[in-house]
Amino acid sequence: MSEYTSLDSLGEFGLIRRLQEHVELQNPSTVLGIGDDAAIIEPGQKQMVVTTDMLIENVHFDLTFCPLKHLGYKAVAVNVSDIAAMNAIPTQIVVSLAISARYTVEAMEELYEGMRLACENYKVDLVGGDTTSSRSGLVISVTALGEVEKGKAVLRSTAQVNDLICVTGDLGGAYLGLQLLEREKQAFLADPETQPELEGKDYVVGRQLRPEARMDVIHELKELGVHPTSMIDISDGLGSELLHICSQSRVGAAVFQDKLPVDQQTLDTAEEFKIDPVTCIMNGGEDYELLFTAKLSDYDKLKNHPDITIIGKITDAAEGVNLVTPSGNAHAIKAQGWNHFA
């Protein structure tokens, strides 16, 4: 007798009731959560920001190596990252799922447990969504809402010449984590008895499977008295995101290659795969760090922050967007990150 519960034995509303049992509300702006035709949210005097993101099986994730709990956490984190990039505080999410018949109730509970942990971490309320059947695997759609004081939202279009260019954390790890997982998947398919060779690679694998939105840095910037002049999260690669800022702000940029932050495990893995680590940093994507610009006068406030690196400066648009090598050569940065329709 199976220890798992089929979805059809509970039905849509039974599944919803079961999944919402562990949902707890944390924000005063949430007046009514799951259970009615719609949630009720009262943001008060602040502005509301809204973002949405869709994760599709075999396009954005592969359940051969992605645990459902990690996937649930990541689905929330990538949306919170977009809220953070607006300099806003996330408050609510709604989650819609399209589920194929091969999934069990317990599998969905595992997915939602990851979401619950992320909501708890980022102090976000899950207030609703939808569930439906799917003929092509699992589809997760998350819409996140956040609040920001009027006039405090940070856009992509407001960088100024001579601004500092900064990034949080380190880059390239998520891309190399994916290369490792794909390699081990192919080895498993060739020989199901093989054991994955991931020892000593926990950091880069974690960067891929369970990224963190940098809400911590948003709070720290406020404490430092630094208001970014522009900001974006790094989902499609540093190069692509920098070009977004420069295009929308109508400016150029000079990024110094020797300033790019990278973890030693990322460097070691890049060497193992014979991939240029700069390529991973500029084009890899899915790091979900923040790329932001700040006034030159904020340099002293930022220079000693352990998790922020100043990597360059904003220049006049006529100078282009360039990566400057240690020898002083400038190479035009091109958008070579993830393109859904390429």
Protein backbone atom coordinates (compact mmCIF):
# COMPACT_ATOMS: atom_id res chain seq x y z
CA MET A 1 0.00 0.00 0.00
CA SER A 2 1.39 3.39 -1.00
CA GLU A 3 2.46 5.77 1.78
CA TYR A 4 1.78 8.73 -0.50
CA THR A 5 -1.51 10.50 -1.10
CA SER A 6 -2.69 11.03 -4.67
CA LEU A 7 -3.84 14.53 -5.58
CA ASP A 8 -7.21 13.32 -6.87
CA SER A 9 -8.03 11.80 -3.48
CA LEU A 10 -8.00 15.26 -1.89
CA GLY A 11 -9.12 17.43 -4.78
CA GLU A 12 -8.13 21.05 -5.38
CA PHE A 13 -9.78 22.55 -2.31
CA GLY A 14 -8.69 19.76 -0.04
CA LEU A 15 -5.11 20.31 -1.20
CA ILE A 16 -5.39 24.06 -0.61
CA ARG A 17 -6.78 23.52 2.91
CA ARG A 18 -3.99 21.08 3.70
CA LEU A 19 -1.24 23.37 2.39
CA GLN A 20 -2.59 26.47 4.16
CA GLU A 21 -2.55 24.80 7.58
CA HIS A 22 1.02 25.98 8.19
CA VAL A 23 0.65 29.49 6.74
CA GLU A 24 1.11 32.23 9.34
CA LEU A 25 0.56 35.95 8.70
CA GLN A 26 3.28 38.38 9.84
CA ASN A 27 2.57 41.80 8.30
CA PRO A 28 0.05 44.38 9.57
CA SER A 29 -0.71 45.30 5.95
CA THR A 30 -2.22 41.83 5.47
CA VAL A 31 -5.88 42.22 6.46
CA LEU A 32 -7.08 38.89 5.03
CA GLY A 33 -5.04 35.99 3.68
CA ILE A 34 -5.95 32.62 2.13
CA GLY A 35 -9.57 31.48 2.31
CA ASP A 36 -11.76 33.93 0.40
CA ASP A 37 -12.10 34.98 -3.25
CA ALA A 38 -9.22 37.43 -2.82
CA ALA A 39 -6.77 38.61 -0.18
CA ILE A 40 -7.14 42.06 1.39
CA ILE A 41 -4.04 44.22 1.70
CA GLU A 42 -3.89 47.69 3.21
CA PRO A 43 -0.48 49.29 2.53
CA GLY A 44 -1.26 52.61 4.25
CA GLN A 45 0.74 55.65 3.11
CA LYS A 46 3.51 53.73 1.35
CA GLN A 47 3.81 52.84 -2.32
CA MET A 48 3.23 49.24 -3.37
CA VAL A 49 5.60 47.40 -5.72
CA VAL A 50 4.56 44.24 -7.54
CA THR A 51 6.62 41.61 -9.39
CA THR A 52 5.95 38.16 -10.77
CA ASP A 53 8.11 35.24 -11.84
CA MET A 54 7.37 31.87 -13.37
CA LEU A 55 9.41 28.67 -12.93
CA ILE A 56 8.74 25.84 -15.40
CA GLU A 57 9.93 22.27 -15.07
CA ASN A 58 12.74 21.38 -17.51
CA VAL A 59 13.17 25.05 -18.43
CA HIS A 60 14.04 26.69 -15.09
CA PHE A 61 14.56 23.63 -12.91
CA ASP A 62 15.33 19.93 -13.20
CA LEU A 63 13.91 17.71 -10.48
CA THR A 64 16.58 15.11 -11.19
CA PHE A 65 18.84 17.16 -8.93
CA CYS A 66 16.65 19.93 -7.47
CA PRO A 67 14.90 18.96 -4.19
CA LEU A 68 11.32 20.22 -3.99
CA LYS A 69 11.96 22.00 -0.69
CA HIS A 70 14.86 23.94 -2.25
CA LEU A 71 12.71 24.69 -5.29
CA GLY A 72 9.95 26.13 -3.09
CA TYR A 73 12.47 28.30 -1.26
CA LYS A 74 14.03 29.49 -4.52
CA ALA A 75 10.63 30.34 -6.05
CA VAL A 76 10.04 32.80 -3.22
CA ALA A 77 13.62 34.10 -3.03
CA VAL A 78 13.85 35.07 -6.71
CA ASN A 79 10.72 37.21 -6.34
CA VAL A 80 11.89 38.77 -3.09
CA SER A 81 15.13 39.61 -4.93
CA ASP A 82 13.16 41.72 -7.43
CA ILE A 83 11.44 43.54 -4.56
CA ALA A 84 14.83 44.17 -2.94
CA ALA A 85 16.12 45.60 -6.23
CA MET A 86 13.46 48.30 -5.95
CA ASN A 87 14.73 49.19 -2.44
CA ALA A 88 11.41 47.93 -1.10
CA ILE A 89 10.38 45.57 1.71
CA PRO A 90 8.49 42.41 0.64
CA THR A 91 5.19 41.88 2.41
CA GLN A 92 2.98 39.35 0.58
CA ILE A 93 3.14 36.67 -2.11
CA VAL A 94 0.54 34.73 -4.06
CA VAL A 95 1.51 31.33 -5.50
CA SER A 96 -0.10 29.53 -8.42
CA LEU A 97 0.75 25.93 -9.30
CA ALA A 98 0.06 23.80 -12.36
CA ILE A 99 0.61 20.20 -11.23
CA SER A 100 0.80 16.99 -13.26
CA ALA A 101 -0.78 13.77 -12.02
CA ARG A 102 2.59 12.18 -11.17
CA TYR A 103 2.98 14.45 -8.13
CA THR A 104 1.65 13.39 -4.74
CA VAL A 105 0.16 15.49 -1.96
CA GLU A 106 3.33 14.86 0.07
CA ALA A 107 5.45 16.23 -2.79
CA MET A 108 3.39 19.43 -2.79
CA GLU A 109 3.75 19.68 0.98
CA GLU A 110 7.52 19.45 0.55
CA LEU A 111 7.42 22.24 -2.04
CA TYR A 112 5.29 24.41 0.25
CA GLU A 113 7.57 23.72 3.21
CA GLY A 114 10.38 25.38 1.25
CA MET A 115 8.09 28.31 0.51
CA ARG A 116 7.10 28.52 4.16
CA LEU A 117 10.74 28.64 5.26
CA ALA A 118 11.45 31.43 2.76
CA CYS A 119 8.37 33.38 3.87
CA GLU A 120 9.51 33.04 7.47
CA ASN A 121 13.04 34.18 6.59
CA TYR A 122 11.95 37.20 4.55
CA LYS A 123 8.93 38.01 6.77
CA VAL A 124 6.49 37.61 3.90
CA ASP A 125 2.85 36.49 4.06
CA LEU A 126 1.54 33.88 1.61
CA VAL A 127 -1.98 35.20 1.00
CA GLY A 128 -3.40 33.19 -1.89
CA GLY A 129 -2.97 31.79 -5.38
CA ASP A 130 -4.38 29.08 -7.59
CA THR A 131 -3.88 25.40 -8.38
CA THR A 132 -4.67 23.66 -11.63
CA SER A 133 -3.71 20.52 -13.52
CA SER A 134 -0.83 20.34 -15.97
CA ARG A 135 -0.03 17.93 -18.80
CA SER A 136 3.62 18.94 -18.95
CA GLY A 137 5.14 18.83 -15.50
CA LEU A 138 5.22 21.40 -12.73
CA VAL A 139 4.74 25.14 -13.25
CA ILE A 140 5.17 27.59 -10.36
CA SER A 141 4.08 31.21 -10.66
CA VAL A 142 4.81 33.57 -7.78
CA THR A 143 3.68 37.18 -7.53
CA ALA A 144 5.29 39.24 -4.78
CA LEU A 145 4.17 42.53 -3.32
CA GLY A 146 6.23 44.97 -1.32
CA GLU A 147 6.16 48.41 0.24
CA VAL A 148 8.45 51.39 -0.11
CA GLU A 149 8.23 54.92 1.22
CA LYS A 150 7.18 57.47 -1.36
CA GLY A 151 10.21 58.78 -3.22
CA LYS A 152 12.49 55.99 -1.93
CA ALA A 153 12.05 53.40 -4.71
CA VAL A 154 15.25 52.82 -6.70
CA LEU A 155 14.94 52.41 -10.47
CA ARG A 156 17.24 51.16 -13.22
CA SER A 157 17.02 54.48 -15.04
CA THR A 158 18.59 56.91 -12.56
CA ALA A 159 22.35 56.21 -12.57
CA GLN A 160 24.53 59.32 -12.97
CA VAL A 161 27.99 59.89 -14.47
CA ASN A 162 30.75 59.38 -11.84
CA ASP A 163 28.55 57.13 -9.67
CA LEU A 164 30.22 54.11 -8.07
CA ILE A 165 29.23 50.69 -9.44
CA CYS A 166 28.79 48.14 -6.64
CA VAL A 167 27.80 44.49 -6.30
CA THR A 168 26.89 42.41 -3.27
CA GLY A 169 28.40 39.02 -2.47
CA ASP A 170 30.33 37.11 -5.13
CA LEU A 171 29.43 36.08 -8.65
CA GLY A 172 29.63 33.11 -11.01
CA GLY A 173 28.97 30.41 -8.44
CA ALA A 174 25.38 29.58 -9.44
CA TYR A 175 26.34 29.00 -13.07
CA LEU A 176 29.15 26.61 -12.13
CA GLY A 177 26.87 24.87 -9.64
CA LEU A 178 24.52 24.18 -12.54
CA GLN A 179 27.40 22.81 -14.66
CA LEU A 180 28.29 20.40 -11.85
CA LEU A 181 24.72 19.22 -11.39
CA GLU A 182 24.23 18.73 -15.13
CA ARG A 183 27.48 16.72 -15.31
CA GLU A 184 26.42 14.46 -12.46
CA LYS A 185 22.97 14.01 -14.01
CA GLN A 186 24.54 12.74 -17.24
CA ALA A 187 26.78 10.39 -15.26
CA PHE A 188 23.72 9.06 -13.40
CA LEU A 189 21.77 8.54 -16.63
CA ALA A 190 24.71 6.59 -18.05
CA ASP A 191 25.08 4.50 -14.89
CA PRO A 192 22.35 4.69 -12.20
CA GLU A 193 24.73 3.01 -9.74
CA THR A 194 27.20 5.90 -9.87
CA GLN A 195 27.55 8.21 -6.88
CA PRO A 196 27.56 11.99 -7.49
CA GLU A 197 30.98 13.64 -7.25
CA LEU A 198 30.04 16.82 -5.39
CA GLU A 199 32.39 16.65 -2.43
CA GLY A 200 33.89 20.05 -1.67
CA LYS A 201 31.39 21.75 -4.01
CA ASP A 202 28.69 22.57 -1.48
CA TYR A 203 28.99 26.33 -1.95
CA VAL A 204 28.52 26.49 -5.73
CA VAL A 205 25.80 23.81 -5.68
CA GLY A 206 23.98 25.76 -2.96
CA ARG A 207 24.26 28.95 -5.00
CA GLN A 208 22.31 27.21 -7.76
CA LEU A 209 19.77 25.23 -5.75
CA ARG A 210 18.97 27.67 -2.96
CA PRO A 211 19.92 31.29 -3.68
CA GLU A 212 19.22 34.03 -1.15
CA ALA A 213 17.66 37.41 -1.88
CA ARG A 214 19.84 40.18 -0.46
CA MET A 215 17.29 41.87 1.78
CA ASP A 216 20.03 42.03 4.42
CA VAL A 217 21.96 44.51 2.28
CA ILE A 218 18.86 46.65 1.70
CA HIS A 219 18.49 47.07 5.46
CA GLU A 220 22.23 47.69 5.89
CA LEU A 221 22.31 50.39 3.21
CA LYS A 222 19.56 52.22 5.05
CA GLU A 223 21.53 51.97 8.28
CA LEU A 224 24.62 53.35 6.49
CA GLY A 225 22.62 56.25 5.07
CA VAL A 226 23.32 55.14 1.49
CA HIS A 227 20.49 55.54 -1.02
CA PRO A 228 21.45 53.79 -4.29
CA THR A 229 21.07 55.89 -7.42
CA SER A 230 20.03 52.82 -9.46
CA MET A 231 19.69 49.10 -8.76
CA ILE A 232 18.89 45.73 -10.34
CA ASP A 233 19.21 42.12 -9.20
CA ILE A 234 21.61 39.79 -11.01
CA SER A 235 19.45 37.05 -12.47
CA ASP A 236 20.70 37.01 -16.09
CA GLY A 237 24.40 37.77 -15.57
CA LEU A 238 26.34 40.86 -14.51
CA GLY A 239 26.93 41.96 -18.11
CA SER A 240 23.25 41.91 -19.06
CA GLU A 241 22.15 43.67 -15.87
CA LEU A 242 24.78 46.41 -16.22
CA LEU A 243 23.65 47.00 -19.79
CA HIS A 244 20.05 47.35 -18.57
CA ILE A 245 21.09 50.09 -16.13
CA CYS A 246 23.28 51.88 -18.66
CA SER A 247 20.68 51.70 -21.43
CA GLN A 248 17.84 52.97 -19.26
CA SER A 249 20.01 55.61 -17.55
CA ARG A 250 21.65 56.63 -20.85
CA VAL A 251 25.16 56.33 -19.43
CA GLY A 252 28.29 54.26 -19.98
CA ALA A 253 30.31 52.21 -17.49
CA ALA A 254 33.83 51.03 -16.74
CA VAL A 255 34.05 47.80 -14.73
CA PHE A 256 37.47 46.67 -13.56
CA GLN A 257 38.11 42.97 -14.06
CA ASP A 258 40.45 42.68 -11.06
CA LYS A 259 37.69 44.03 -8.78
CA LEU A 260 35.10 41.38 -9.66
CA PRO A 261 34.22 39.38 -6.50
CA VAL A 262 34.53 35.61 -6.83
CA ASP A 263 34.68 32.74 -4.34
CA GLN A 264 37.68 30.39 -4.39
CA GLN A 265 35.40 27.37 -4.90
CA THR A 266 34.00 29.10 -7.99
CA LEU A 267 37.53 29.63 -9.32
CA ASP A 268 38.48 26.00 -8.64
CA THR A 269 35.33 24.69 -10.34
CA ALA A 270 35.84 26.95 -13.35
CA GLU A 271 39.36 25.55 -13.71
CA GLU A 272 37.99 22.02 -13.47
CA PHE A 273 35.55 22.73 -16.32
CA LYS A 274 38.15 24.75 -18.25
CA ILE A 275 35.83 27.78 -18.30
CA ASP A 276 37.09 31.35 -17.93
CA PRO A 277 35.80 32.50 -14.51
CA VAL A 278 35.25 36.02 -15.91
CA THR A 279 32.81 34.51 -18.40
CA CYS A 280 30.93 32.87 -15.52
CA ILE A 281 30.83 36.15 -13.58
CA MET A 282 29.74 38.32 -16.50
CA ASN A 283 27.30 35.95 -18.21
CA GLY A 284 26.42 33.10 -15.82
CA GLY A 285 23.37 34.48 -14.05
CA GLU A 286 21.18 33.21 -11.19
CA ASP A 287 23.43 34.64 -8.49
CA TYR A 288 20.59 36.92 -7.29
CA GLU A 289 23.05 39.41 -5.89
CA LEU A 290 22.37 43.16 -6.20
CA LEU A 291 24.07 45.44 -8.70
CA PHE A 292 23.68 49.07 -7.72
CA THR A 293 25.18 52.47 -8.25
CA ALA A 294 25.86 55.03 -5.52
CA LYS A 295 27.07 58.60 -5.30
CA LEU A 296 30.84 59.09 -5.20
CA SER A 297 30.37 60.84 -1.85
CA ASP A 298 29.20 57.49 -0.39
CA TYR A 299 32.58 55.86 -1.04
CA ASP A 300 33.76 56.01 2.59
CA LYS A 301 30.49 54.43 3.79
CA LEU A 302 30.79 51.52 1.37
CA LYS A 303 34.53 50.81 1.04
CA ASN A 304 34.84 48.66 4.17
CA HIS A 305 31.55 46.78 3.92
CA PRO A 306 32.45 43.06 3.98
CA ASP A 307 29.76 42.06 1.50
CA ILE A 308 29.78 44.97 -0.98
CA THR A 309 32.46 45.41 -3.65
CA ILE A 310 32.99 48.58 -5.66
CA ILE A 311 33.76 47.27 -9.14
CA GLY A 312 33.79 50.38 -11.30
CA LYS A 313 32.23 53.71 -12.17
CA ILE A 314 29.53 55.17 -14.37
CA THR A 315 30.88 57.09 -17.36
CA ASP A 316 29.48 59.19 -20.19
CA ALA A 317 27.36 57.20 -22.65
CA ALA A 318 29.79 58.02 -25.45
CA GLU A 319 32.49 55.95 -23.71
CA GLY A 320 30.41 52.77 -23.92
CA VAL A 321 30.04 49.94 -21.39
CA ASN A 322 33.42 48.30 -20.91
CA LEU A 323 35.29 45.67 -18.93
CA VAL A 324 38.78 47.00 -18.18
CA THR A 325 41.55 44.38 -17.84
CA PRO A 326 44.40 44.69 -15.32
CA SER A 327 46.64 45.86 -18.18
CA GLY A 328 44.23 48.71 -18.94
CA ASN A 329 42.61 47.34 -22.10
CA ALA A 330 38.88 48.06 -22.42
CA HIS A 331 36.56 45.44 -23.95
CA ALA A 332 32.93 46.23 -24.78
CA ILE A 333 30.50 44.30 -22.59
CA LYS A 334 27.84 42.41 -24.54
CA ALA A 335 24.63 40.87 -23.25
CA GLN A 336 25.39 37.14 -23.29
CA GLY A 337 23.42 36.05 -20.26
CA TRP A 338 20.25 33.94 -20.23
CA ASN A 339 17.79 34.66 -23.05
CA HIS A 340 14.50 32.73 -22.78
CA PHE A 341 13.79 32.91 -26.50
CA ALA A 342 17.27 32.41 -27.94
